[in-house]
Amino acid sequence: MTDREPLLDPVLDPAAMRKQYRAEGLAEQDLATHPMDQFARWFEDAARAALHGTIYEPNAMVVSTADATGRPSSRTVLMKQFDTEGFVFYTNYDSRKARDLAENPHISLLFPWHPLARQVIVTGTARRTGRDETAAYFRTRPHGSQLGAWASAQSTVIASRTELDTAYAELQARYPEDEQVPVPPHWGGFRIAPQTIEFWQGRENRLHDRLRYVAQPGGTWKVERLAP
């Protein structure tokens, strides 16, 4: 197959893939005054869909960062908290995303709730959570996940899977199930303070509804409608 030869099987051809969104629309008068209240409404819908097996991990979000030179990178991360101050996730502070954020705090989040024909796209800035907040969340993690935070030097090159498994086994022997695992000093949270939050609702004929909240001075929000 040459670079320009099209795929003949429509099942495999991206250009032939079509999905008509027949969901109800999103109108300005139906929005909450504060974007995080609107997010709470949609997140509840996504969480209820997950109970029925329609969505897998509704708190999964694509986190996009860029380093000091502007080179971007993206990965899927689990959102662990949201409130009026924004969104929180946890990671190794030596990971690529954390190193990016240390150089460039601007960040984008994307919640891809495809079965509901919905997306939420967030832009904002990230800052580290306090150590008390980090420790409180770390204590809620399963014992194995606590050990995993120590075992993995996230984003670094390792020789083999065996190296990772050996590190985990050593930690497992050092901290058995009934023993408290200390919070790694290189691990913690990021809180994203949103500057824009877009609610994307799929509609027929690709005429989607896109309503974006934009932060204003004084803590208020302006709503803009974007062309699909």
C-alpha atoms as a PDB file:
ATOM      1  CA  MET A   1       0.000   0.000   0.000  1.00  0.00           C
ATOM      2  CA  THR A   2       1.365   3.425  -0.939  1.00  0.00           C
ATOM      3  CA  ASP A   3       1.054   6.485   1.281  1.00  0.00           C
ATOM      4  CA  ARG A   4      -1.719   7.833  -0.959  1.00  0.00           C
ATOM      5  CA  GLU A   5      -3.640   4.617  -1.575  1.00  0.00           C
ATOM      6  CA  PRO A   6      -7.070   4.795   0.126  1.00  0.00           C
ATOM      7  CA  LEU A   7      -8.409   2.062   2.369  1.00  0.00           C
ATOM      8  CA  LEU A   8     -11.003   0.083   0.416  1.00  0.00           C
ATOM      9  CA  ASP A   9     -12.762  -1.476   3.406  1.00  0.00           C
ATOM     10  CA  PRO A  10     -15.156   1.180   4.808  1.00  0.00           C
ATOM     11  CA  VAL A  11     -14.945  -0.475   8.212  1.00  0.00           C
ATOM     12  CA  LEU A  12     -11.262   0.467   8.319  1.00  0.00           C
ATOM     13  CA  ASP A  13     -11.352   3.749   6.403  1.00  0.00           C
ATOM     14  CA  PRO A  14     -11.431   6.778   8.754  1.00  0.00           C
ATOM     15  CA  ALA A  15     -12.809   8.984   5.961  1.00  0.00           C
ATOM     16  CA  ALA A  16     -15.827   6.705   5.634  1.00  0.00           C
ATOM     17  CA  MET A  17     -16.668   6.646   9.345  1.00  0.00           C
ATOM     18  CA  ARG A  18     -19.839   8.585  10.149  1.00  0.00           C
ATOM     19  CA  LYS A  19     -21.855   9.120  13.311  1.00  0.00           C
ATOM     20  CA  GLN A  20     -24.983  11.269  13.361  1.00  0.00           C
ATOM     21  CA  TYR A  21     -25.465  12.914  16.764  1.00  0.00           C
ATOM     22  CA  ARG A  22     -29.147  13.092  17.651  1.00  0.00           C
ATOM     23  CA  ALA A  23     -28.821  14.377  21.205  1.00  0.00           C
ATOM     24  CA  GLU A  24     -30.842  17.274  22.544  1.00  0.00           C
ATOM     25  CA  GLY A  25     -29.259  20.677  22.192  1.00  0.00           C
ATOM     26  CA  LEU A  26     -27.634  22.983  24.720  1.00  0.00           C
ATOM     27  CA  ALA A  27     -29.153  26.464  25.081  1.00  0.00           C
ATOM     28  CA  GLU A  28     -27.770  29.473  26.906  1.00  0.00           C
ATOM     29  CA  GLN A  29     -30.833  29.798  29.133  1.00  0.00           C
ATOM     30  CA  ASP A  30     -30.309  26.250  30.401  1.00  0.00           C
ATOM     31  CA  LEU A  31     -26.777  26.868  31.657  1.00  0.00           C
ATOM     32  CA  ALA A  32     -25.836  27.265  35.315  1.00  0.00           C
ATOM     33  CA  THR A  33     -24.476  30.672  36.317  1.00  0.00           C
ATOM     34  CA  HIS A  34     -21.123  29.198  37.369  1.00  0.00           C
ATOM     35  CA  PRO A  35     -19.295  26.819  35.007  1.00  0.00           C
ATOM     36  CA  MET A  36     -18.364  24.404  37.779  1.00  0.00           C
ATOM     37  CA  ASP A  37     -22.059  24.013  38.608  1.00  0.00           C
ATOM     38  CA  GLN A  38     -22.686  23.224  34.948  1.00  0.00           C
ATOM     39  CA  PHE A  39     -19.791  20.763  35.024  1.00  0.00           C
ATOM     40  CA  ALA A  40     -21.325  19.098  38.081  1.00  0.00           C
ATOM     41  CA  ARG A  41     -24.579  18.570  36.142  1.00  0.00           C
ATOM     42  CA  TRP A  42     -22.815  16.984  33.186  1.00  0.00           C
ATOM     43  CA  PHE A  43     -20.473  14.960  35.373  1.00  0.00           C
ATOM     44  CA  GLU A  44     -23.472  13.486  37.185  1.00  0.00           C
ATOM     45  CA  ASP A  45     -24.925  12.474  33.817  1.00  0.00           C
ATOM     46  CA  ALA A  46     -21.607  10.853  32.869  1.00  0.00           C
ATOM     47  CA  ALA A  47     -21.295   9.083  36.222  1.00  0.00           C
ATOM     48  CA  ARG A  48     -24.825   7.689  35.923  1.00  0.00           C
ATOM     49  CA  ALA A  49     -24.041   6.522  32.393  1.00  0.00           C
ATOM     50  CA  ALA A  50     -20.994   4.733  33.802  1.00  0.00           C
ATOM     51  CA  LEU A  51     -23.224   2.818  36.215  1.00  0.00           C
ATOM     52  CA  HIS A  52     -25.022   1.391  33.177  1.00  0.00           C
ATOM     53  CA  GLY A  53     -21.769   0.595  31.379  1.00  0.00           C
ATOM     54  CA  THR A  54     -22.221   3.320  28.773  1.00  0.00           C
ATOM     55  CA  ILE A  55     -19.105   5.275  29.782  1.00  0.00           C
ATOM     56  CA  TYR A  56     -15.846   3.884  31.148  1.00  0.00           C
ATOM     57  CA  GLU A  57     -14.187   6.045  33.808  1.00  0.00           C
ATOM     58  CA  PRO A  58     -16.147   9.309  33.538  1.00  0.00           C
ATOM     59  CA  ASN A  59     -13.406  11.091  35.496  1.00  0.00           C
ATOM     60  CA  ALA A  60     -10.801  10.282  32.816  1.00  0.00           C
ATOM     61  CA  MET A  61      -9.522  13.401  31.083  1.00  0.00           C
ATOM     62  CA  VAL A  62      -6.886  14.143  28.465  1.00  0.00           C
ATOM     63  CA  VAL A  63      -4.289  16.469  29.983  1.00  0.00           C
ATOM     64  CA  SER A  64      -2.244  18.527  27.529  1.00  0.00           C
ATOM     65  CA  THR A  65       0.865  20.455  28.531  1.00  0.00           C
ATOM     66  CA  ALA A  66       3.738  22.179  26.743  1.00  0.00           C
ATOM     67  CA  ASP A  67       7.332  22.665  27.770  1.00  0.00           C
ATOM     68  CA  ALA A  68       9.232  25.952  27.819  1.00  0.00           C
ATOM     69  CA  THR A  69       9.860  25.740  24.066  1.00  0.00           C
ATOM     70  CA  GLY A  70       6.190  25.093  23.279  1.00  0.00           C
ATOM     71  CA  ARG A  71       6.464  21.384  22.442  1.00  0.00           C
ATOM     72  CA  PRO A  72       3.128  19.810  23.460  1.00  0.00           C
ATOM     73  CA  SER A  73       2.329  16.420  24.953  1.00  0.00           C
ATOM     74  CA  SER A  74      -0.926  14.749  25.986  1.00  0.00           C
ATOM     75  CA  ARG A  75      -1.958  11.831  28.162  1.00  0.00           C
ATOM     76  CA  THR A  76      -5.034  10.491  29.933  1.00  0.00           C
ATOM     77  CA  VAL A  77      -5.221  11.194  33.673  1.00  0.00           C
ATOM     78  CA  LEU A  78      -7.936  10.606  36.269  1.00  0.00           C
ATOM     79  CA  MET A  79      -9.511  13.730  37.761  1.00  0.00           C
ATOM     80  CA  LYS A  80      -9.840  13.179  41.512  1.00  0.00           C
ATOM     81  CA  GLN A  81     -11.633  16.305  42.704  1.00  0.00           C
ATOM     82  CA  PHE A  82     -13.501  19.322  41.408  1.00  0.00           C
ATOM     83  CA  ASP A  83     -15.013  22.318  43.146  1.00  0.00           C
ATOM     84  CA  THR A  84     -15.480  26.036  42.560  1.00  0.00           C
ATOM     85  CA  GLU A  85     -11.690  26.444  42.519  1.00  0.00           C
ATOM     86  CA  GLY A  86     -11.187  24.030  39.636  1.00  0.00           C
ATOM     87  CA  PHE A  87      -9.971  20.476  38.975  1.00  0.00           C
ATOM     88  CA  VAL A  88      -7.395  18.314  40.770  1.00  0.00           C
ATOM     89  CA  PHE A  89      -5.280  15.374  39.618  1.00  0.00           C
ATOM     90  CA  TYR A  90      -2.252  13.638  41.137  1.00  0.00           C
ATOM     91  CA  THR A  91       1.040  12.566  39.602  1.00  0.00           C
ATOM     92  CA  ASN A  92       4.766  12.068  40.072  1.00  0.00           C
ATOM     93  CA  TYR A  93       6.375  15.519  40.172  1.00  0.00           C
ATOM     94  CA  ASP A  94       9.272  14.164  38.100  1.00  0.00           C
ATOM     95  CA  SER A  95       6.940  13.057  35.272  1.00  0.00           C
ATOM     96  CA  ARG A  96       6.945  14.797  31.913  1.00  0.00           C
ATOM     97  CA  LYS A  97       3.658  16.612  32.568  1.00  0.00           C
ATOM     98  CA  ALA A  98       4.898  17.877  35.927  1.00  0.00           C
ATOM     99  CA  ARG A  99       8.183  19.038  34.425  1.00  0.00           C
ATOM    100  CA  ASP A 100       6.234  20.809  31.687  1.00  0.00           C
ATOM    101  CA  LEU A 101       4.040  22.544  34.242  1.00  0.00           C
ATOM    102  CA  ALA A 102       7.061  23.662  36.241  1.00  0.00           C
ATOM    103  CA  GLU A 103       8.277  25.496  33.122  1.00  0.00           C
ATOM    104  CA  ASN A 104       4.894  26.475  31.685  1.00  0.00           C
ATOM    105  CA  PRO A 105       1.818  26.379  33.966  1.00  0.00           C
ATOM    106  CA  HIS A 106      -0.690  26.681  31.106  1.00  0.00           C
ATOM    107  CA  ILE A 107      -2.717  23.505  30.664  1.00  0.00           C
ATOM    108  CA  SER A 108      -5.703  22.072  28.800  1.00  0.00           C
ATOM    109  CA  LEU A 109      -8.122  19.368  29.975  1.00  0.00           C
ATOM    110  CA  LEU A 110     -10.546  17.400  27.817  1.00  0.00           C
ATOM    111  CA  PHE A 111     -13.326  15.165  29.147  1.00  0.00           C
ATOM    112  CA  PRO A 112     -14.332  12.940  26.168  1.00  0.00           C
ATOM    113  CA  TRP A 113     -17.795  11.606  26.964  1.00  0.00           C
ATOM    114  CA  HIS A 114     -18.366  10.199  23.467  1.00  0.00           C
ATOM    115  CA  PRO A 115     -21.395   7.975  24.247  1.00  0.00           C
ATOM    116  CA  LEU A 116     -23.267  11.110  25.396  1.00  0.00           C
ATOM    117  CA  ALA A 117     -22.013  13.118  22.399  1.00  0.00           C
ATOM    118  CA  ARG A 118     -20.453  15.524  24.872  1.00  0.00           C
ATOM    119  CA  GLN A 119     -17.067  17.038  25.571  1.00  0.00           C
ATOM    120  CA  VAL A 120     -15.854  19.498  28.187  1.00  0.00           C
ATOM    121  CA  ILE A 121     -12.713  21.430  27.249  1.00  0.00           C
ATOM    122  CA  VAL A 122     -10.883  23.419  29.926  1.00  0.00           C
ATOM    123  CA  THR A 123      -7.983  25.846  29.628  1.00  0.00           C
ATOM    124  CA  GLY A 124      -6.275  27.329  32.649  1.00  0.00           C
ATOM    125  CA  THR A 125      -3.188  27.310  34.820  1.00  0.00           C
ATOM    126  CA  ALA A 126      -1.916  24.659  37.210  1.00  0.00           C
ATOM    127  CA  ARG A 127      -0.342  24.906  40.640  1.00  0.00           C
ATOM    128  CA  ARG A 128       0.700  22.249  43.113  1.00  0.00           C
ATOM    129  CA  THR A 129      -1.654  21.264  45.905  1.00  0.00           C
ATOM    130  CA  GLY A 130      -0.471  21.605  49.508  1.00  0.00           C
ATOM    131  CA  ARG A 131       1.220  18.651  51.188  1.00  0.00           C
ATOM    132  CA  ASP A 132      -1.644  18.211  53.669  1.00  0.00           C
ATOM    133  CA  GLU A 133      -4.143  17.922  50.823  1.00  0.00           C
ATOM    134  CA  THR A 134      -1.831  15.529  48.986  1.00  0.00           C
ATOM    135  CA  ALA A 135      -1.359  13.342  52.066  1.00  0.00           C
ATOM    136  CA  ALA A 136      -5.100  13.218  52.732  1.00  0.00           C
ATOM    137  CA  TYR A 137      -5.747  11.943  49.212  1.00  0.00           C
ATOM    138  CA  PHE A 138      -2.782   9.533  49.270  1.00  0.00           C
ATOM    139  CA  ARG A 139      -4.288   7.802  52.320  1.00  0.00           C
ATOM    140  CA  THR A 140      -7.443   7.041  50.325  1.00  0.00           C
ATOM    141  CA  ARG A 141      -5.529   5.172  47.602  1.00  0.00           C
ATOM    142  CA  PRO A 142      -5.433   1.370  47.660  1.00  0.00           C
ATOM    143  CA  HIS A 143      -2.312  -0.040  49.304  1.00  0.00           C
ATOM    144  CA  GLY A 144      -0.995  -1.289  45.973  1.00  0.00           C
ATOM    145  CA  SER A 145      -1.406   2.137  44.362  1.00  0.00           C
ATOM    146  CA  GLN A 146       0.494   3.719  47.250  1.00  0.00           C
ATOM    147  CA  LEU A 147       3.378   1.322  46.640  1.00  0.00           C
ATOM    148  CA  GLY A 148       3.164   1.999  42.919  1.00  0.00           C
ATOM    149  CA  ALA A 149       3.754   5.712  43.508  1.00  0.00           C
ATOM    150  CA  TRP A 150       7.115   4.774  45.048  1.00  0.00           C
ATOM    151  CA  ALA A 151       8.014   1.991  42.609  1.00  0.00           C
ATOM    152  CA  SER A 152       7.698   3.953  39.369  1.00  0.00           C
ATOM    153  CA  ALA A 153      10.066   6.749  38.396  1.00  0.00           C
ATOM    154  CA  GLN A 154       7.409   8.008  36.010  1.00  0.00           C
ATOM    155  CA  SER A 155       8.418   8.983  32.462  1.00  0.00           C
ATOM    156  CA  THR A 156      11.998   7.737  32.827  1.00  0.00           C
ATOM    157  CA  VAL A 157      13.497   5.021  30.614  1.00  0.00           C
ATOM    158  CA  ILE A 158      13.765   1.616  32.341  1.00  0.00           C
ATOM    159  CA  ALA A 159      15.562  -1.533  31.191  1.00  0.00           C
ATOM    160  CA  SER A 160      12.610  -3.920  31.433  1.00  0.00           C
ATOM    161  CA  ARG A 161       9.289  -4.741  33.082  1.00  0.00           C
ATOM    162  CA  THR A 162      11.273  -6.924  35.487  1.00  0.00           C
ATOM    163  CA  GLU A 163      12.989  -3.829  36.882  1.00  0.00           C
ATOM    164  CA  LEU A 164       9.601  -2.316  37.738  1.00  0.00           C
ATOM    165  CA  ASP A 165       8.193  -5.530  39.183  1.00  0.00           C
ATOM    166  CA  THR A 166      11.308  -6.034  41.312  1.00  0.00           C
ATOM    167  CA  ALA A 167      11.067  -2.523  42.747  1.00  0.00           C
ATOM    168  CA  TYR A 168       7.398  -3.106  43.578  1.00  0.00           C
ATOM    169  CA  ALA A 169       8.122  -6.471  45.229  1.00  0.00           C
ATOM    170  CA  GLU A 170      10.808  -4.905  47.434  1.00  0.00           C
ATOM    171  CA  LEU A 171       8.390  -2.201  48.541  1.00  0.00           C
ATOM    172  CA  GLN A 172       5.687  -4.793  49.163  1.00  0.00           C
ATOM    173  CA  ALA A 173       8.045  -6.645  51.507  1.00  0.00           C
ATOM    174  CA  ARG A 174       9.025  -3.409  53.266  1.00  0.00           C
ATOM    175  CA  TYR A 175       5.451  -2.157  53.687  1.00  0.00           C
ATOM    176  CA  PRO A 176       3.021  -5.082  54.106  1.00  0.00           C
ATOM    177  CA  GLU A 177      -0.724  -4.512  53.825  1.00  0.00           C
ATOM    178  CA  ASP A 178      -1.182  -3.534  57.477  1.00  0.00           C
ATOM    179  CA  GLU A 179       1.681  -1.009  57.530  1.00  0.00           C
ATOM    180  CA  GLN A 180       1.304   2.646  56.541  1.00  0.00           C
ATOM    181  CA  VAL A 181       3.121   3.737  53.401  1.00  0.00           C
ATOM    182  CA  PRO A 182       4.731   7.197  53.667  1.00  0.00           C
ATOM    183  CA  VAL A 183       3.718   9.820  51.127  1.00  0.00           C
ATOM    184  CA  PRO A 184       6.465  10.113  48.481  1.00  0.00           C
ATOM    185  CA  PRO A 185       8.060  13.580  48.530  1.00  0.00           C
ATOM    186  CA  HIS A 186       8.162  13.541  44.710  1.00  0.00           C
ATOM    187  CA  TRP A 187       4.438  12.839  44.338  1.00  0.00           C
ATOM    188  CA  GLY A 188       1.442  15.133  44.694  1.00  0.00           C
ATOM    189  CA  GLY A 189      -1.420  17.007  43.133  1.00  0.00           C
ATOM    190  CA  PHE A 190      -2.048  19.805  40.698  1.00  0.00           C
ATOM    191  CA  ARG A 191      -5.042  22.112  40.927  1.00  0.00           C
ATOM    192  CA  ILE A 192      -6.165  23.641  37.636  1.00  0.00           C
ATOM    193  CA  ALA A 193      -7.749  27.070  37.925  1.00  0.00           C
ATOM    194  CA  PRO A 194      -9.899  27.382  34.785  1.00  0.00           C
ATOM    195  CA  GLN A 195      -9.846  30.430  32.548  1.00  0.00           C
ATOM    196  CA  THR A 196     -12.256  28.974  29.982  1.00  0.00           C
ATOM    197  CA  ILE A 197     -14.603  25.977  30.134  1.00  0.00           C
ATOM    198  CA  GLU A 198     -16.363  24.900  26.950  1.00  0.00           C
ATOM    199  CA  PHE A 199     -19.385  22.600  26.948  1.00  0.00           C
ATOM    200  CA  TRP A 200     -19.671  20.793  23.613  1.00  0.00           C
ATOM    201  CA  GLN A 201     -22.898  19.008  22.724  1.00  0.00           C
ATOM    202  CA  GLY A 202     -23.047  17.015  19.499  1.00  0.00           C
ATOM    203  CA  ARG A 203     -25.937  17.839  17.144  1.00  0.00           C
ATOM    204  CA  GLU A 204     -27.154  16.635  13.774  1.00  0.00           C
ATOM    205  CA  ASN A 205     -25.301  17.571  10.562  1.00  0.00           C
ATOM    206  CA  ARG A 206     -22.208  18.576  12.545  1.00  0.00           C
ATOM    207  CA  LEU A 207     -24.009  21.731  13.746  1.00  0.00           C
ATOM    208  CA  HIS A 208     -22.930  21.165  17.315  1.00  0.00           C
ATOM    209  CA  ASP A 209     -23.689  23.413  20.288  1.00  0.00           C
ATOM    210  CA  ARG A 210     -20.546  24.919  21.804  1.00  0.00           C
ATOM    211  CA  LEU A 211     -20.989  27.215  24.794  1.00  0.00           C
ATOM    212  CA  ARG A 212     -17.864  28.557  26.460  1.00  0.00           C
ATOM    213  CA  TYR A 213     -17.538  30.246  29.847  1.00  0.00           C
ATOM    214  CA  VAL A 214     -14.746  32.843  29.972  1.00  0.00           C
ATOM    215  CA  ALA A 215     -13.446  34.142  33.308  1.00  0.00           C
ATOM    216  CA  GLN A 216     -13.924  37.865  33.877  1.00  0.00           C
ATOM    217  CA  PRO A 217     -12.392  40.270  36.419  1.00  0.00           C
ATOM    218  CA  GLY A 218     -14.096  40.065  39.785  1.00  0.00           C
ATOM    219  CA  GLY A 219     -14.839  36.360  39.598  1.00  0.00           C
ATOM    220  CA  THR A 220     -17.716  36.527  37.121  1.00  0.00           C
ATOM    221  CA  TRP A 221     -18.079  34.531  33.890  1.00  0.00           C
ATOM    222  CA  LYS A 222     -19.129  35.471  30.381  1.00  0.00           C
ATOM    223  CA  VAL A 223     -20.777  32.883  28.113  1.00  0.00           C
ATOM    224  CA  GLU A 224     -19.913  32.785  24.407  1.00  0.00           C
ATOM    225  CA  ARG A 225     -21.406  30.621  21.683  1.00  0.00           C
ATOM    226  CA  LEU A 226     -18.838  29.212  19.264  1.00  0.00           C
ATOM    227  CA  ALA A 227     -19.506  28.104  15.718  1.00  0.00           C
ATOM    228  CA  PRO A 228     -19.186  24.304  15.425  1.00  0.00           C
END
